[in-house]
Protein backbone atom coordinates (compact mmCIF):
# COMPACT_ATOMS: atom_id res chain seq x y z
CA UNK A 1 105.93 118.11 125.34
CA UNK A 2 108.90 116.80 123.33
CA UNK A 3 109.96 118.38 120.08
CA UNK A 4 110.39 116.32 116.92
CA UNK A 5 114.15 116.71 117.26
CA UNK A 6 114.04 115.26 120.77
CA UNK A 7 111.92 112.37 119.56
CA UNK A 8 114.39 111.66 116.75
CA UNK A 9 117.26 111.64 119.22
CA UNK A 10 115.35 109.25 121.50
CA UNK A 11 115.02 106.83 118.61
CA UNK A 12 118.69 107.23 117.70
CA UNK A 13 119.46 105.98 121.22
CA UNK A 14 117.01 103.09 120.90
CA UNK A 15 117.90 102.20 117.31
CA UNK A 16 120.41 99.40 117.99
CA UNK A 17 118.02 97.62 120.31
CA UNK A 18 115.05 97.96 117.95
CA UNK A 19 117.18 96.80 115.03
CA UNK A 20 118.13 93.69 116.96
CA UNK A 21 114.41 92.98 117.49
CA UNK A 22 113.67 93.45 113.77
CA UNK A 23 116.59 91.27 112.66
CA UNK A 24 115.40 88.49 114.97
CA UNK A 25 111.81 88.94 113.75
CA UNK A 26 112.90 88.47 110.14
CA UNK A 27 114.11 84.97 111.06
CA UNK A 28 110.71 83.85 112.41
CA UNK A 29 107.43 82.94 110.70
CA UNK A 30 105.95 86.34 111.54
CA UNK A 31 107.01 88.16 108.33
CA UNK A 32 104.75 85.79 106.36
CA UNK A 33 101.91 86.53 108.76
CA UNK A 34 102.50 90.28 108.43
CA UNK A 35 102.39 89.98 104.65
CA UNK A 36 99.17 87.96 104.76
CA UNK A 37 97.54 90.48 107.07
CA UNK A 38 98.60 93.53 105.04
CA UNK A 39 97.81 92.04 101.64
CA UNK A 40 94.28 91.31 102.82
CA UNK A 41 93.82 95.01 103.58
CA UNK A 42 95.92 96.68 100.88
CA UNK A 43 94.65 97.87 97.47
CA UNK A 44 94.70 95.41 94.61
CA UNK A 45 97.57 95.56 92.16
CA UNK A 46 101.19 94.57 91.72
CA UNK A 47 103.49 96.36 91.99
CA UNK A 48 102.13 98.89 94.46
CA UNK A 49 103.78 102.15 95.40
CA UNK A 50 104.17 101.92 99.16
CA UNK A 51 105.28 104.50 101.72
CA UNK A 52 106.54 103.21 105.08
CA UNK A 53 106.07 106.27 107.30
CA UNK A 54 108.55 106.05 110.17
CA UNK A 55 110.28 103.03 108.68
CA UNK A 56 112.74 102.46 111.53
CA UNK A 57 115.18 99.61 110.74
CA UNK A 58 113.28 98.83 107.54
CA UNK A 59 111.07 95.84 108.39
CA UNK A 60 108.20 96.70 106.01
CA UNK A 61 110.62 98.11 103.43
CA UNK A 62 112.37 94.75 103.21
CA UNK A 63 109.19 92.65 103.23
CA UNK A 64 107.49 94.52 100.41
CA UNK A 65 110.60 95.08 98.34
CA UNK A 66 111.02 91.30 98.32
CA UNK A 67 107.48 91.06 97.01
CA UNK A 68 108.40 93.30 94.05
CA UNK A 69 106.67 96.50 95.21
CA UNK A 70 108.09 100.03 94.83
CA UNK A 71 108.81 100.93 98.46
CA UNK A 72 109.92 104.20 100.04
CA UNK A 73 110.81 104.43 103.70
CA UNK A 74 111.14 107.74 105.56
CA UNK A 75 112.38 108.27 109.13
CA UNK A 76 113.75 111.11 111.22
CA UNK A 77 116.33 108.97 113.00
CA UNK A 78 119.61 108.76 111.15
CA UNK A 79 120.69 105.70 113.09
CA UNK A 80 117.45 103.86 112.33
CA UNK A 81 117.96 104.59 108.62
CA UNK A 82 121.51 103.30 108.82
CA UNK A 83 120.18 100.01 110.12
CA UNK A 84 117.48 99.98 107.43
CA UNK A 85 120.14 100.34 104.74
CA UNK A 86 122.19 97.51 106.23
CA UNK A 87 119.19 95.23 106.54
CA UNK A 88 118.04 95.93 102.97
CA UNK A 89 121.54 95.21 101.66
CA UNK A 90 121.75 91.95 103.61
CA UNK A 91 118.33 90.90 102.26
CA UNK A 92 119.23 91.73 98.65
CA UNK A 93 116.69 94.50 98.14
CA UNK A 94 116.95 98.25 97.48
CA UNK A 95 113.99 100.30 98.73
CA UNK A 96 114.28 104.07 98.63
CA UNK A 97 115.25 105.25 102.12
CA UNK A 98 115.00 108.94 103.04
CA UNK A 99 115.81 110.89 106.19
CA UNK A 100 112.99 113.34 106.76
CA UNK A 101 109.85 114.38 108.58
CA UNK A 102 106.90 112.08 107.89
CA UNK A 103 104.65 114.98 108.83
CA UNK A 104 106.03 117.12 106.01
CA UNK A 105 106.55 114.74 103.15
CA UNK A 106 108.72 115.61 100.11
CA UNK A 107 106.36 113.84 97.71
CA UNK A 108 103.66 115.00 95.34
CA UNK A 109 99.93 114.60 95.79
CA UNK A 110 98.36 111.24 94.87
CA UNK A 111 101.68 109.34 94.77
CA UNK A 112 101.18 106.15 96.82
CA UNK A 113 98.76 103.23 96.77
CA UNK A 114 99.50 102.33 100.40
CA UNK A 115 100.82 104.29 103.39
CA UNK A 116 101.73 102.05 106.30
CA UNK A 117 103.24 102.53 109.76
CA UNK A 118 104.05 100.36 112.76
CA UNK A 119 104.62 101.58 116.34
CA UNK A 120 105.03 105.14 115.08
CA UNK A 121 101.81 107.12 115.54
CA UNK A 122 102.17 107.27 119.33
CA UNK A 123 105.15 109.59 118.73
CA UNK A 124 103.15 112.12 116.68
CA UNK A 125 102.58 115.56 118.19
CA UNK A 126 99.99 116.86 115.68
CA UNK A 127 97.92 113.97 114.40
CA UNK A 128 95.57 116.00 112.25
CA UNK A 129 98.50 117.55 110.37
CA UNK A 130 100.38 114.27 109.93
CA UNK A 131 97.36 112.21 108.91
CA UNK A 132 96.47 115.01 106.52
CA UNK A 133 99.90 114.64 104.89
CA UNK A 134 99.49 110.90 104.61
CA UNK A 135 96.08 111.43 103.00
CA UNK A 136 97.59 113.97 100.59
CA UNK A 137 100.20 111.59 99.20
CA UNK A 138 97.77 108.69 98.86
CA UNK A 139 96.10 108.13 95.52
CA UNK A 140 92.30 108.31 95.54
CA UNK A 141 91.19 104.88 96.72
CA UNK A 142 94.58 104.34 98.34
CA UNK A 143 94.78 102.73 101.77
CA UNK A 144 96.24 103.87 105.07
CA UNK A 145 97.22 101.07 107.51
CA UNK A 146 98.33 101.92 111.03
CA UNK A 147 99.60 99.36 113.54
CA UNK A 148 100.13 100.69 117.04
CA UNK A 149 99.06 100.28 120.67
CA UNK A 150 97.97 102.28 123.72
CA UNK A 151 101.57 102.61 124.87
CA UNK A 152 100.60 105.69 126.93
CA UNK A 153 98.06 103.99 129.20
CA UNK A 154 100.58 102.16 131.45
CA UNK A 155 101.81 105.63 132.44
CA UNK A 156 98.36 106.68 133.65
CA UNK A 157 96.95 105.58 137.03
CA UNK A 158 94.43 102.76 136.67
CA UNK A 159 93.88 99.11 135.77
CA UNK A 160 95.96 99.17 132.56
CA UNK A 161 99.00 100.36 134.50
CA UNK A 162 98.43 97.70 137.15
CA UNK A 163 98.16 94.99 134.51
CA UNK A 164 101.24 96.28 132.65
CA UNK A 165 103.32 96.16 135.82
CA UNK A 166 102.09 92.67 136.63
CA UNK A 167 103.02 91.51 133.13
CA UNK A 168 106.42 93.19 133.28
CA UNK A 169 107.21 91.27 136.46
CA UNK A 170 106.01 88.06 134.80
CA UNK A 171 108.18 88.75 131.73
CA UNK A 172 111.24 89.35 133.89
CA UNK A 173 110.64 86.08 135.78
CA UNK A 174 110.00 84.10 132.61
CA UNK A 175 112.58 85.60 130.25
CA UNK A 176 115.10 87.30 132.62
CA UNK A 177 114.74 90.66 130.85
CA UNK A 178 112.29 92.79 128.91
CA UNK A 179 112.66 94.79 125.69
CA UNK A 180 114.30 98.02 126.87
CA UNK A 181 117.61 99.02 125.30
CA UNK A 182 119.35 99.53 128.66
CA UNK A 183 117.72 96.78 130.73
CA UNK A 184 115.66 99.26 132.76
CA UNK A 185 112.03 98.74 133.76
CA UNK A 186 109.45 100.19 131.39
CA UNK A 187 106.57 100.43 133.89
CA UNK A 188 107.71 99.42 137.36
CA UNK A 189 108.54 102.63 139.26
CA UNK A 190 108.18 104.68 136.07
CA UNK A 191 106.98 108.28 136.22
CA UNK A 192 103.35 109.05 135.43
CA UNK A 193 102.31 111.03 132.35
CA UNK A 194 105.81 111.40 130.82
CA UNK A 195 106.32 114.14 128.20
CA UNK A 196 106.35 111.77 125.21
CA UNK A 197 102.78 110.62 125.94
CA UNK A 198 101.10 113.83 127.04
CA UNK A 199 99.31 114.18 123.68
CA UNK A 200 96.94 111.35 124.64
CA UNK A 201 96.34 111.66 128.38
CA UNK A 202 93.89 108.83 129.15
CA UNK A 203 92.37 108.69 125.64
CA UNK A 204 91.72 105.27 124.12
CA UNK A 205 93.20 104.40 120.77
CA UNK A 206 92.37 103.75 117.97
CA UNK A 207 89.12 105.60 118.84
CA UNK A 208 91.24 108.75 119.27
CA UNK A 209 92.69 108.33 115.76
CA UNK A 210 89.33 107.53 114.16
CA UNK A 211 88.02 110.86 115.40
CA UNK A 212 90.85 112.60 113.56
CA UNK A 213 90.57 110.55 110.37
CA UNK A 214 86.86 111.43 110.15
CA UNK A 215 87.93 115.10 109.84
CA UNK A 216 89.91 114.27 106.70
CA UNK A 217 88.90 112.95 103.25
CA UNK A 218 88.98 109.32 104.36
CA UNK A 219 86.21 106.73 104.16
CA UNK A 220 85.73 103.09 105.15
CA UNK A 221 87.46 103.79 108.47
CA UNK A 222 87.67 100.58 110.53
CA UNK A 223 89.88 98.86 113.07
CA UNK A 224 90.68 95.67 114.92
CA UNK A 225 91.61 96.24 118.56
CA UNK A 226 93.86 93.22 118.91
CA UNK A 227 95.96 91.61 116.18
CA UNK A 228 98.64 90.27 118.50
CA UNK A 229 97.85 86.57 118.23
CA UNK A 230 99.39 86.27 114.78
CA UNK A 231 101.86 89.20 114.79
CA UNK A 232 103.54 89.20 118.21
CA UNK A 233 106.03 86.79 119.73
CA UNK A 234 105.13 84.89 122.87
CA UNK A 235 107.42 87.15 124.87
CA UNK A 236 105.66 90.28 123.54
CA UNK A 237 102.31 88.81 124.45
CA UNK A 238 103.49 88.34 128.02
CA UNK A 239 105.18 91.74 128.30
CA UNK A 240 102.67 93.93 126.48
CA UNK A 241 99.35 92.11 126.71
CA UNK A 242 97.85 95.02 128.66
CA UNK A 243 98.21 97.18 125.54
CA UNK A 244 97.63 94.92 122.52
CA UNK A 245 98.62 95.91 119.01
CA UNK A 246 95.70 97.23 116.95
CA UNK A 247 95.22 97.71 113.21
CA UNK A 248 93.51 100.81 111.85
CA UNK A 249 92.49 101.03 108.20
CA UNK A 250 91.17 103.94 106.12
CA UNK A 251 90.65 104.59 102.43
CA UNK A 252 91.26 107.92 100.74
CA UNK A 253 88.05 109.24 99.21
CA UNK A 254 87.78 109.29 95.45
CA UNK A 255 88.00 112.77 93.96
C-alpha cells in the first residue's frame, strides 16, 4: 500500500496534465453547471467558509472565490498548489492555499460551512480518520460534498474492467488519445489490483463511504450514483462511462 508521501509524489508527476484539464474546463460551460449543482446542496448563506480538501490545481477554489466565498484549499502536492496559485492569479481571485495533509487539518473545530472534494477520496488510506477530520472542522449543520468514482474497479477482474477497456479503445479511436499524462493506456494491459487501489478491493462506492460516514456524527447521508451528464465532457463520458462520477452528501449533526 502506498504511503501518503508516495501519493503526493504521484500527483506531482501528474500535476501538469491535470492542470491542463482544469484550465480547459474553466473555458467551457461546465463551471456554471458545477456551481448550480453545488449551490443546490450547500448550506444557505453568503459568504460561506469553504474548505476544498485536496484542491489540486484549484478548480473549486477559483469558482467559489469568484462567487465571493471565503475559500481555503489544501493539498499535499507542491506542484498542484503551484498551479492553483497561478490559476487563481490569472482569474483575479485570492483563495487561501496551503500545502498540508487533508487528513490532519491545521484548523480549529467547527470552522467551515462546506467541505468539498473532487476525485480525491480514492487516494485516502484511512477513510474513517480523514472523514472524521472533515467532520471535526465542519460547523454543526455544515455540509460535506464528495465527488468521486469507482476508479479502482477497472483494475479488478470482471464486467467493469471489460467495459472500461472497451471504452478506452473507443476513446483512442475517436479522440486519438486518452487523459493520461504520458500517453500510456490506463486500463488496456494494466496490472490488476495496483497498490494505490488496494484499500477498496472490489467494494462499491459510494456505499463503501456511506458505511464509514454512518460511524461518525453525520446525518442526512445521501448520494447520486451518476452526475456525469451535466459535469463531464463528451470525451470523459466515452472514456470513463464504466465508472461514472457520483456525488455523496452528508450533514454534520447539530451539537
